[in-house]
Protein backbone atom coordinates (compact mmCIF):
# COMPACT_ATOMS: atom_id res chain seq x y z
CA MET A 1 4.47 15.00 14.25
CA GLN A 2 4.79 16.29 17.96
CA GLN A 3 3.66 13.14 19.58
CA LEU A 4 5.99 10.92 17.27
CA ILE A 5 8.80 13.09 18.53
CA ASN A 6 7.70 12.70 22.30
CA ASN A 7 7.65 8.96 21.82
CA ALA A 8 11.00 8.90 20.16
CA THR A 9 12.59 10.80 22.94
CA LYS A 10 11.20 8.19 25.55
CA ASN A 11 12.83 5.47 23.57
CA ALA A 12 15.99 7.38 22.88
CA ASP A 13 18.41 4.39 23.40
CA ARG A 14 16.23 1.64 21.74
CA SER A 15 16.99 0.85 18.13
CA ALA A 16 14.71 2.58 15.71
CA ILE A 17 15.76 1.79 12.22
CA ILE A 18 18.26 -1.07 10.96
CA SER A 19 19.58 -0.33 7.31
CA ASN A 20 22.71 -1.34 5.43
CA ASP A 21 23.37 -3.61 8.30
CA THR A 22 23.70 -0.71 10.65
CA SER A 23 21.50 0.09 13.75
CA TYR A 24 20.30 3.63 14.51
CA THR A 25 18.79 4.67 17.72
CA TYR A 26 15.94 6.92 18.14
CA SER A 27 18.12 9.32 19.71
CA LEU A 28 20.29 9.46 16.19
CA LEU A 29 17.25 9.73 14.33
CA LEU A 30 16.06 12.89 16.40
CA GLU A 31 19.30 14.39 16.11
CA HIS A 32 19.65 13.77 12.42
CA SER A 33 16.13 15.00 11.51
CA LYS A 34 16.62 18.25 13.43
CA ALA A 35 19.76 19.10 11.74
CA ILE A 36 17.96 18.15 8.22
CA ALA A 37 14.97 20.42 9.66
CA HIS A 38 17.36 23.28 10.52
CA TYR A 39 19.03 23.20 6.95
CA LEU A 40 15.97 23.11 5.02
CA LEU A 41 14.81 26.14 7.01
CA ASN A 42 17.83 27.99 5.59
CA GLY A 43 17.18 30.92 7.95
CA LYS A 44 13.23 30.87 8.15
CA THR A 45 11.15 29.74 11.18
CA ASP A 46 8.80 27.83 9.07
CA LEU A 47 8.58 26.14 5.49
CA GLU A 48 4.76 27.13 5.67
CA GLU A 49 3.81 23.99 3.59
CA ALA A 50 6.45 24.23 0.92
CA ARG A 51 6.39 21.04 -1.00
CA VAL A 52 9.82 19.10 -0.37
CA ALA A 53 10.29 16.10 -2.91
CA PHE A 54 12.80 13.35 -2.16
CA LEU A 55 14.11 10.28 -4.11
CA ILE A 56 15.88 8.13 -1.32
CA THR A 57 16.34 4.38 -1.20
CA PRO A 58 14.56 3.02 1.86
CA SER A 59 16.81 3.62 4.68
CA PHE A 60 17.35 5.43 8.25
CA GLU A 61 18.37 8.36 5.57
CA TYR A 62 15.14 8.03 4.18
CA THR A 63 13.34 8.46 7.63
CA ALA A 64 15.41 11.19 8.89
CA VAL A 65 14.49 13.29 5.82
CA LEU A 66 10.95 12.62 5.89
CA TRP A 67 10.94 13.49 9.66
CA GLY A 68 13.35 16.83 8.83
CA ILE A 69 10.70 17.82 6.38
CA TRP A 70 7.91 17.54 8.67
CA ARG A 71 9.66 19.13 11.84
CA ALA A 72 10.72 22.15 9.41
CA GLY A 73 7.03 22.62 8.45
CA GLY A 74 7.14 21.60 5.01
CA ILE A 75 5.05 19.14 3.10
CA ALA A 76 6.92 15.69 2.35
CA VAL A 77 6.59 14.45 -1.15
CA PRO A 78 8.23 10.92 -1.55
CA LEU A 79 8.97 9.87 -5.14
CA CYS A 80 9.09 6.37 -6.46
CA GLU A 81 12.63 5.12 -7.26
CA LYS A 82 11.33 2.63 -10.10
CA HIS A 83 9.43 5.53 -11.77
CA PRO A 84 10.66 6.80 -15.30
CA LEU A 85 11.94 10.49 -15.48
CA PRO A 86 8.32 11.67 -17.13
CA SER A 87 6.42 10.09 -13.94
CA ILE A 88 8.73 11.88 -11.41
CA ALA A 89 8.38 15.13 -13.58
CA TYR A 90 4.62 14.99 -13.24
CA VAL A 91 4.67 14.86 -9.42
CA ILE A 92 7.51 17.69 -9.17
CA GLU A 93 5.15 19.88 -11.51
CA ASP A 94 1.90 19.04 -10.04
CA THR A 95 3.12 19.84 -6.44
CA GLN A 96 5.08 22.69 -7.40
CA ALA A 97 7.93 21.47 -5.18
CA GLU A 98 10.51 24.13 -4.15
CA ILE A 99 13.00 21.53 -2.83
CA LEU A 100 14.24 18.13 -4.40
CA ILE A 101 16.53 16.16 -2.14
CA TYR A 102 18.26 12.92 -4.05
CA GLU A 103 20.22 10.20 -3.37
CA LYS A 104 23.66 10.25 -5.36
CA SER A 105 22.57 7.38 -7.37
CA PHE A 106 19.72 9.30 -8.56
CA GLU A 107 21.49 12.46 -9.67
CA ALA A 108 21.75 11.74 -13.30
CA LEU A 109 18.20 10.70 -13.53
CA LEU A 110 16.71 13.66 -11.86
CA HIS A 111 19.53 16.45 -13.32
CA PRO A 112 16.84 17.55 -15.97
CA LEU A 113 14.63 18.45 -13.28
CA ALA A 114 17.18 20.80 -11.32
CA SER A 115 15.85 23.99 -12.83
CA LYS A 116 12.28 23.29 -11.83
CA VAL A 117 13.15 23.61 -8.31
CA SER A 118 14.50 26.39 -6.09
CA ARG A 119 16.79 23.91 -4.32
CA PHE A 120 18.50 20.87 -5.87
CA LEU A 121 20.00 19.17 -2.90
CA SER A 122 22.07 16.04 -2.70
CA LEU A 123 21.56 13.81 0.48
CA ASP A 124 25.57 13.88 0.83
CA ALA A 125 25.06 17.48 1.66
CA LEU A 126 22.63 17.23 4.35
CA PRO A 127 24.16 17.71 8.01
CA LYS A 128 23.74 14.94 10.40
CA THR A 129 24.29 17.06 13.69
CA GLY A 130 23.72 20.53 14.84
CA GLY A 131 21.13 23.24 14.17
CA GLU A 132 18.55 24.61 16.93
CA PHE A 133 15.14 25.49 16.30
CA PHE A 134 11.97 25.55 18.00
CA PHE A 135 9.03 24.73 15.93
CA THR A 136 6.16 22.42 15.99
CA PRO A 137 3.78 22.04 12.99
CA ALA A 138 0.13 22.21 13.81
CA PRO A 139 -2.09 18.96 13.68
CA SER A 140 -4.24 20.54 11.24
CA ARG A 141 -1.24 21.56 8.88
CA ARG A 142 -0.67 19.49 5.58
CA ALA A 143 1.95 16.73 6.02
CA LEU A 144 2.09 14.54 3.10
CA ILE A 145 1.36 14.17 -0.36
CA LEU A 146 1.24 10.87 -1.94
CA TYR A 147 -0.09 9.85 -5.54
CA THR A 148 -2.50 7.41 -6.41
CA SER A 149 -1.47 4.62 -8.57
CA GLY A 150 -3.41 5.95 -11.45
CA THR A 151 -5.14 2.83 -12.42
CA THR A 152 -8.15 4.72 -13.40
CA GLY A 153 -6.50 7.96 -14.91
CA ASN A 154 -3.84 10.23 -14.11
CA PRO A 155 -2.37 9.91 -10.82
CA LYS A 156 -3.85 12.55 -8.11
CA GLY A 157 -1.87 13.93 -5.04
CA VAL A 158 -3.48 12.95 -1.93
CA VAL A 159 -2.92 15.30 0.88
CA THR A 160 -2.98 14.27 4.36
CA THR A 161 -2.61 16.26 7.41
CA HIS A 162 -0.26 15.50 10.62
CA GLN A 163 -3.92 15.00 12.45
CA ASN A 164 -4.80 12.38 9.82
CA ILE A 165 -1.52 10.69 9.98
CA GLU A 166 -1.72 10.37 13.70
CA ALA A 167 -5.24 8.94 13.21
CA GLN A 168 -4.03 6.21 10.74
CA ILE A 169 -1.37 5.02 12.99
CA THR A 170 -3.34 5.00 16.15
CA SER A 171 -5.99 2.96 14.54
CA LEU A 172 -3.65 0.22 13.48
CA THR A 173 -1.40 0.25 16.65
CA THR A 174 -4.31 -0.16 18.86
CA SER A 175 -6.13 -2.48 16.86
CA TRP A 176 -3.04 -4.70 15.84
CA GLU A 177 -1.53 -4.46 19.52
CA TRP A 178 1.96 -2.60 18.45
CA SER A 179 4.48 -2.69 21.25
CA LYS A 180 8.06 -1.45 21.66
CA GLU A 181 8.87 -5.02 21.82
CA ASP A 182 7.92 -5.63 18.00
CA HIS A 183 10.40 -5.59 15.02
CA ILE A 184 9.23 -5.50 11.51
CA LEU A 185 10.86 -6.07 8.19
CA ASN A 186 9.99 -3.20 5.25
CA ILE A 187 10.49 -4.47 1.76
CA LEU A 188 7.52 -2.13 0.41
CA PRO A 189 7.99 0.93 -1.83
CA MET A 190 8.31 4.00 0.36
CA HIS A 191 6.02 6.26 -1.70
CA HIS A 192 3.03 4.51 -0.70
CA VAL A 193 1.04 4.37 2.56
CA HIS A 194 1.51 1.09 3.12
CA GLY A 195 5.37 1.07 3.52
CA ILE A 196 5.38 4.57 5.16
CA ILE A 197 2.35 4.47 7.39
CA ASN A 198 1.30 0.83 8.18
CA ILE A 199 4.95 -0.46 8.83
CA LEU A 200 7.32 2.63 9.34
CA MET A 201 5.47 4.95 11.21
CA CYS A 202 3.44 2.47 13.11
CA ALA A 203 6.92 0.84 14.08
CA LEU A 204 8.28 4.38 15.33
CA TRP A 205 5.28 5.57 17.28
CA SER A 206 5.29 2.35 19.39
CA GLY A 207 9.17 2.43 19.99
CA ALA A 208 9.71 -0.56 17.73
CA CYS A 209 12.18 -1.31 15.32
CA CYS A 210 12.02 -1.28 11.64
CA THR A 211 14.62 -3.16 9.31
CA PHE A 212 14.88 -2.33 5.74
CA LEU A 213 16.22 -4.56 2.85
CA PRO A 214 18.28 -2.41 0.17
CA LYS A 215 16.55 -4.73 -2.32
CA PHE A 216 13.94 -7.55 -2.20
CA SER A 217 14.78 -11.23 -2.90
CA PRO A 218 13.07 -14.19 -1.63
CA GLU A 219 16.54 -15.36 -0.27
CA ALA A 220 17.08 -11.95 1.55
CA VAL A 221 13.65 -12.12 3.01
CA PHE A 222 14.08 -15.82 4.41
CA SER A 223 17.46 -14.77 5.75
CA GLU A 224 16.10 -12.06 7.70
CA PHE A 225 13.30 -14.37 8.99
CA LYS A 226 15.82 -16.89 10.09
CA LYS A 227 17.64 -14.44 12.37
CA GLY A 228 14.88 -14.68 14.84
CA ARG A 229 14.51 -11.15 15.60
CA LEU A 230 11.23 -10.40 13.66
CA THR A 231 7.87 -10.20 15.21
CA LEU A 232 5.58 -8.82 12.31
CA PHE A 233 5.62 -8.85 8.70
CA MET A 234 3.52 -7.25 5.89
CA ALA A 235 3.49 -7.59 2.20
CA VAL A 236 1.41 -7.48 -0.82
CA PRO A 237 0.06 -10.68 -2.47
CA THR A 238 2.74 -10.57 -5.15
CA ILE A 239 5.18 -10.79 -2.44
CA TYR A 240 3.61 -13.71 -0.74
CA PHE A 241 3.28 -15.74 -4.18
CA LYS A 242 7.02 -15.16 -4.85
CA LEU A 243 7.93 -16.36 -1.36
CA ILE A 244 5.76 -19.20 -1.53
CA ALA A 245 7.28 -20.22 -5.05
CA HIS A 246 10.74 -19.95 -3.72
CA TRP A 247 10.12 -22.06 -0.39
CA LYS A 248 8.86 -24.81 -2.70
CA LEU A 249 12.16 -24.88 -4.48
CA LEU A 250 14.24 -25.19 -0.97
CA SER A 251 15.45 -28.52 0.36
CA GLU A 252 13.43 -30.16 3.31
CA ILE A 253 15.84 -28.82 5.54
CA GLU A 254 15.82 -25.46 4.43
CA LYS A 255 11.85 -25.54 4.23
CA ASN A 256 11.85 -26.58 7.95
CA GLU A 257 14.11 -23.86 8.96
CA VAL A 258 12.07 -21.02 7.36
CA SER A 259 8.80 -22.51 8.61
CA GLU A 260 10.30 -22.81 12.30
CA ALA A 261 11.23 -19.16 12.04
CA LEU A 262 7.81 -18.08 11.01
CA THR A 263 5.99 -19.92 13.67
CA LYS A 264 7.39 -17.35 16.10
CA PHE A 265 6.05 -14.31 14.40
CA ARG A 266 2.75 -12.82 16.01
CA LEU A 267 1.44 -11.35 12.95
CA MET A 268 1.64 -11.32 9.29
CA VAL A 269 -0.40 -9.01 6.98
CA SER A 270 -1.24 -8.88 3.56
CA GLY A 271 -2.88 -5.88 1.56
CA SER A 272 -2.76 -3.32 -1.37
CA ALA A 273 -4.55 -6.01 -3.75
CA ALA A 274 -6.88 -8.70 -3.36
CA LEU A 275 -5.23 -11.89 -1.49
CA PRO A 276 -6.13 -14.86 -3.56
CA ILE A 277 -7.31 -17.78 -1.34
CA SER A 278 -4.98 -20.20 -2.75
CA VAL A 279 -2.19 -17.81 -1.49
CA LEU A 280 -3.57 -17.54 1.91
CA ALA A 281 -4.01 -21.37 2.02
CA ASP A 282 -0.38 -22.10 0.68
CA TRP A 283 1.16 -19.47 3.58
CA LYS A 284 -0.66 -21.13 6.06
CA THR A 285 0.77 -24.51 5.04
CA LEU A 286 4.20 -23.28 5.03
CA SER A 287 3.95 -20.75 8.19
CA GLY A 288 1.32 -22.05 10.22
CA HIS A 289 -0.18 -18.41 9.84
CA ILE A 290 -3.38 -17.22 8.70
CA LEU A 291 -2.71 -13.86 6.80
CA LEU A 292 -4.76 -10.95 8.11
CA GLU A 293 -6.22 -9.15 5.34
CA ARG A 294 -7.17 -5.61 5.54
CA TYR A 295 -8.43 -2.92 3.52
CA GLY A 296 -7.26 0.64 2.82
CA MET A 297 -6.41 3.42 0.25
CA THR A 298 -4.35 6.20 -0.22
CA GLU A 299 -6.87 8.59 0.79
CA MET A 300 -7.74 7.10 4.05
CA GLY A 301 -4.87 4.78 5.33
CA MET A 302 -6.47 1.37 6.55
CA ALA A 303 -10.31 1.56 7.24
CA ILE A 304 -11.51 -2.30 7.45
CA SER A 305 -9.44 -5.09 8.85
CA ASN A 306 -9.97 -8.87 9.86
CA PRO A 307 -9.13 -9.06 13.51
CA TYR A 308 -6.11 -9.30 15.01
CA ARG A 309 -7.85 -11.83 17.82
CA GLY A 310 -10.79 -13.49 16.47
CA GLU A 311 -11.75 -15.36 13.47
CA ARG A 312 -10.09 -14.18 9.95
CA LYS A 313 -12.53 -15.30 7.29
CA PRO A 314 -10.67 -16.10 3.80
CA GLY A 315 -12.03 -13.70 0.99
CA PHE A 316 -13.34 -10.92 3.61
CA ILE A 317 -11.66 -7.95 4.61
CA GLY A 318 -13.07 -7.75 7.97
CA LEU A 319 -14.70 -5.18 10.09
CA PRO A 320 -13.98 -1.28 10.57
CA LEU A 321 -11.10 -0.57 12.58
CA GLN A 322 -11.24 1.76 15.71
CA GLY A 323 -12.17 5.38 14.94
CA VAL A 324 -13.37 4.64 11.21
CA ARG A 325 -17.14 4.64 10.11
CA VAL A 326 -18.27 2.47 7.19
CA GLN A 327 -21.52 2.48 5.23
CA LEU A 328 -22.49 0.55 1.99
CA ALA A 329 -24.36 2.86 -0.53
CA ASP A 330 -26.04 2.71 -3.74
CA GLU A 331 -25.60 5.04 -6.92
CA ASN A 332 -27.82 7.77 -4.93
CA ASN A 333 -25.41 7.50 -1.97
CA LYS A 334 -28.33 6.02 -0.04
CA PRO A 335 -27.29 3.20 2.37
CA VAL A 336 -28.18 -0.14 1.07
CA MET A 337 -30.33 -2.75 2.82
CA ALA A 338 -28.37 -5.67 4.51
CA GLY A 339 -27.04 -8.32 2.18
CA SER A 340 -27.11 -6.17 -0.72
CA GLN A 341 -23.97 -4.91 -2.69
CA GLY A 342 -22.99 -1.17 -2.40
CA GLU A 343 -20.04 1.09 -2.61
CA ILE A 344 -17.91 1.34 0.52
CA GLN A 345 -18.00 4.98 2.19
CA ILE A 346 -15.72 6.05 4.71
CA LYS A 347 -15.96 8.83 7.52
CA GLY A 348 -13.27 9.31 10.04
CA PRO A 349 -10.45 11.43 11.16
CA ASN A 350 -7.94 8.98 8.99
CA VAL A 351 -9.80 10.49 5.87
CA PHE A 352 -7.46 12.59 3.57
CA LEU A 353 -7.85 16.68 3.45
CA GLU A 354 -8.20 16.89 -0.28
CA TYR A 355 -6.66 16.20 -3.65
CA TRP A 356 -3.66 18.75 -4.19
CA GLY A 357 -4.83 21.51 -6.63
CA LYS A 358 -8.02 19.73 -7.78
CA ALA A 359 -10.90 21.25 -5.79
CA GLN A 360 -13.49 19.72 -8.02
CA ALA A 361 -12.16 16.10 -7.73
CA THR A 362 -12.06 16.48 -4.05
CA GLU A 363 -15.55 17.68 -4.00
CA GLU A 364 -16.35 14.87 -6.29
CA ALA A 365 -14.86 12.34 -3.88
CA PHE A 366 -17.43 13.02 -1.27
CA THR A 367 -20.87 12.91 -0.61
CA THR A 368 -22.86 15.95 0.80
CA GLU A 369 -22.77 14.32 3.86
CA GLY A 370 -19.26 14.24 4.16
CA TRP A 371 -18.73 10.20 3.40
CA PHE A 372 -15.66 9.59 1.25
CA LYS A 373 -16.67 7.47 -1.95
CA THR A 374 -13.82 4.56 -2.39
CA GLY A 375 -15.25 3.45 -5.54
CA ASP A 376 -15.07 -0.24 -4.22
CA ILE A 377 -18.03 -2.26 -4.00
CA ALA A 378 -18.86 -4.88 -1.23
CA ILE A 379 -21.36 -6.68 0.48
CA LEU A 380 -21.58 -7.46 4.07
CA GLU A 381 -21.85 -11.07 4.69
CA GLN A 382 -21.54 -13.32 7.88
CA GLY A 383 -20.98 -10.09 9.79
CA TYR A 384 -17.88 -9.32 7.82
CA TYR A 385 -17.33 -7.01 4.67
CA ARG A 386 -16.31 -8.80 1.42
CA ILE A 387 -14.92 -6.76 -1.43
CA LEU A 388 -16.41 -7.33 -5.04
CA GLY A 389 -14.24 -5.11 -6.83
CA ARG A 390 -13.91 -1.35 -8.08
CA ASN A 391 -16.91 -0.16 -9.47
CA SER A 392 -15.01 1.12 -12.63
CA ILE A 393 -12.85 -1.67 -13.21
CA ASP A 394 -13.83 -4.92 -11.40
CA ILE A 395 -17.63 -4.75 -11.63
CA ILE A 396 -18.75 -5.84 -15.20
CA LYS A 397 -21.91 -4.95 -16.51
CA SER A 398 -22.95 -7.80 -19.05
CA GLY A 399 -26.34 -8.75 -20.04
CA GLY A 400 -28.07 -7.04 -17.29
CA TYR A 401 -26.04 -8.53 -14.54
CA LYS A 402 -23.36 -7.00 -12.30
CA ILE A 403 -20.54 -9.44 -12.27
CA SER A 404 -17.65 -9.44 -9.75
CA ALA A 405 -14.25 -9.81 -11.85
CA LEU A 406 -12.50 -10.84 -8.53
CA GLU A 407 -15.02 -13.62 -8.06
CA ILE A 408 -14.34 -15.19 -11.44
CA GLU A 409 -10.61 -14.63 -10.82
CA GLU A 410 -10.68 -16.82 -7.49
CA VAL A 411 -12.40 -19.47 -9.40
CA LEU A 412 -9.76 -19.54 -12.32
CA ARG A 413 -7.03 -19.72 -9.76
CA GLN A 414 -8.38 -23.25 -8.58
CA HIS A 415 -7.53 -24.62 -12.01
CA PRO A 416 -4.44 -26.81 -11.49
CA GLU A 417 -2.91 -25.51 -14.80
CA ILE A 418 -3.47 -21.77 -14.02
CA GLU A 419 -0.84 -19.85 -12.08
CA GLU A 420 -2.32 -16.25 -12.13
CA CYS A 421 -5.10 -14.52 -13.90
CA ALA A 422 -7.00 -11.16 -14.36
CA VAL A 423 -10.59 -10.40 -15.47
CA VAL A 424 -11.54 -7.37 -17.25
CA GLY A 425 -14.93 -6.28 -18.86
CA ILE A 426 -14.63 -5.02 -22.46
CA PRO A 427 -16.81 -3.16 -24.60
CA ASP A 428 -19.57 -4.86 -26.46
CA ASP A 429 -22.65 -3.76 -28.36
CA GLU A 430 -24.85 -6.54 -27.55
CA TRP A 431 -24.02 -7.35 -24.21
CA GLY A 432 -22.53 -3.93 -22.89
CA GLU A 433 -19.36 -5.82 -21.55
CA LEU A 434 -18.04 -8.99 -22.39
CA ILE A 435 -15.96 -10.86 -19.91
CA ALA A 436 -12.45 -11.55 -20.77
CA ALA A 437 -9.90 -13.29 -18.93
CA SER A 438 -6.10 -13.17 -19.26
CA ILE A 439 -4.46 -16.69 -18.22
CA ILE A 440 -0.97 -17.07 -16.99
CA THR A 441 -0.09 -20.95 -17.53
CA GLN A 442 3.13 -23.09 -18.01
CA GLU A 443 1.09 -25.74 -19.92
CA PRO A 444 2.28 -25.20 -23.51
CA ASN A 445 -1.09 -27.06 -24.82
CA PHE A 446 -3.43 -25.38 -22.41
CA ASP A 447 -6.92 -26.23 -23.86
CA LEU A 448 -9.38 -23.16 -23.64
CA GLU A 449 -12.40 -25.22 -24.74
CA LYS A 450 -11.60 -27.57 -21.58
CA LEU A 451 -11.40 -24.58 -19.47
CA THR A 452 -14.79 -23.44 -20.22
CA VAL A 453 -16.18 -26.95 -19.75
CA TRP A 454 -14.50 -26.80 -16.44
CA LEU A 455 -15.91 -23.39 -15.34
CA LYS A 456 -19.37 -24.64 -16.10
CA THR A 457 -19.03 -26.91 -13.03
CA LYS A 458 -18.08 -23.85 -11.07
CA LEU A 459 -19.91 -20.66 -12.18
CA PRO A 460 -23.33 -19.73 -13.81
CA ASN A 461 -23.06 -19.35 -17.51
CA TYR A 462 -23.31 -15.55 -17.37
CA LYS A 463 -20.09 -15.47 -15.60
CA ILE A 464 -17.93 -17.39 -17.83
CA PRO A 465 -15.44 -15.60 -19.71
CA ARG A 466 -16.22 -15.05 -23.59
CA LYS A 467 -12.77 -14.08 -24.52
CA TYR A 468 -9.17 -15.36 -23.40
CA ARG A 469 -5.75 -14.38 -23.82
CA LEU A 470 -2.80 -16.64 -22.88
CA ASP A 471 -0.19 -14.04 -21.33
CA HIS A 472 3.36 -14.67 -19.90
CA GLU A 473 2.76 -11.82 -17.27
CA LEU A 474 0.11 -9.25 -16.08
CA PRO A 475 0.74 -5.71 -16.40
CA ARG A 476 0.97 -4.31 -12.85
CA ASN A 477 2.24 -1.33 -11.01
CA VAL A 478 5.14 -0.77 -8.50
CA MET A 479 2.58 -2.18 -5.53
CA GLY A 480 1.79 -5.37 -7.54
CA LYS A 481 -1.78 -4.28 -8.47
CA VAL A 482 -2.82 -5.42 -11.93
CA THR A 483 -3.32 -2.43 -14.13
CA LYS A 484 -6.48 -3.58 -15.78
CA ASN A 485 -7.04 -0.56 -18.01
CA GLU A 486 -3.58 -1.56 -19.53
CA LEU A 487 -5.02 -5.07 -19.84
CA LYS A 488 -8.29 -4.06 -21.47
CA SER A 489 -6.17 -2.43 -24.06
CA LYS A 490 -4.48 -5.80 -25.08
CA PHE A 491 -7.78 -7.27 -25.91
């Protein structure tokens, strides 16, 4: 935290945040966050890692509250604005949050939780100036609790320290060559490492500027692109898919305006879910950019990335980021031979401290040698790592084979009548698991028998789905990841 403060002080007069069409300097961010910290301390000298939950739309105010919590020695617990009350209550109860800060628009939603916290504070009540205090949390102190997406069970609170966060930031700012001249658009949920660390904190660490959009829409994003001030853009594959679809509806003049603006960016990144090669190709056509795909998790920030300078290989996640160690291991946590698939395991100062209140889950997440077990299966090919899927979700064990669901999905997306798809394994007495596919298509007379014939020209027989569903949409969480356990139940 102290280095963030030091960097902000050096860039006091520069624009840090643009939100709601207003520009806020680093000086204002320092002043506002200091006043909030003083208010939260309420006469104490240290919050001593008290959990402070907050539900605020992405904005300057969000950023000032986050920094204020850290400067007061608290642990920040950002809440998701799209979650229903039971999901929010789960986080409040699990973290035993002492303070809950809310934006006015969320007051009615959160009011039933007022009795569960010691202080139920409206954002409007927080001071913007004033208050003196002298406290700096130690790097080893807990700073942030973010909750896993819960695609494989109940969400777990991932605890990162100030030290972890600094390591996550610096590995990206170094590898992706951030500078104070950068300007990035942030349209991602702010209860997730992608929006908080990769975008907001990397920008603030570098003295750059971060613009928030109050609400995502392709029109609003393209409008920001055409202003000509952005240098970076980061999003999830679902957003790129929506932007591509909208671009195709524009007039030729409008298409050219957007494409011309995009050529001036220096970097565009995709993450949080596997990037379909078709999306990568379409985005290159309209922007001239090969999206940089990277790999990370709530538990470790980013760990592997295609290079900023160098070849970006479609379908690959790249190489370890600075300061991160990677190995592929078998079921016994022993490194596998080159060219063999194995679980991605990570070591480094970026790796989280613990799962909040879950000592056993924390212990089970690491090997005896201290490697974090990601649960993701990959292979090292052509010098780059390629994800095959999650061990429990995307690796289908059928008829003695271990089959990558992601590989089958990539082939299905090549079919001209298929817009999107998801592949899962469903229990079967004979085969162990059967390959099942959910297909999204606008073709009213889509022929599944013809699809199977087509697939036989692309895949070996044991990788061809045995069951299908024709659906209107795929179940997804707020980061755009398909919730495959939910999809399994539909079969």
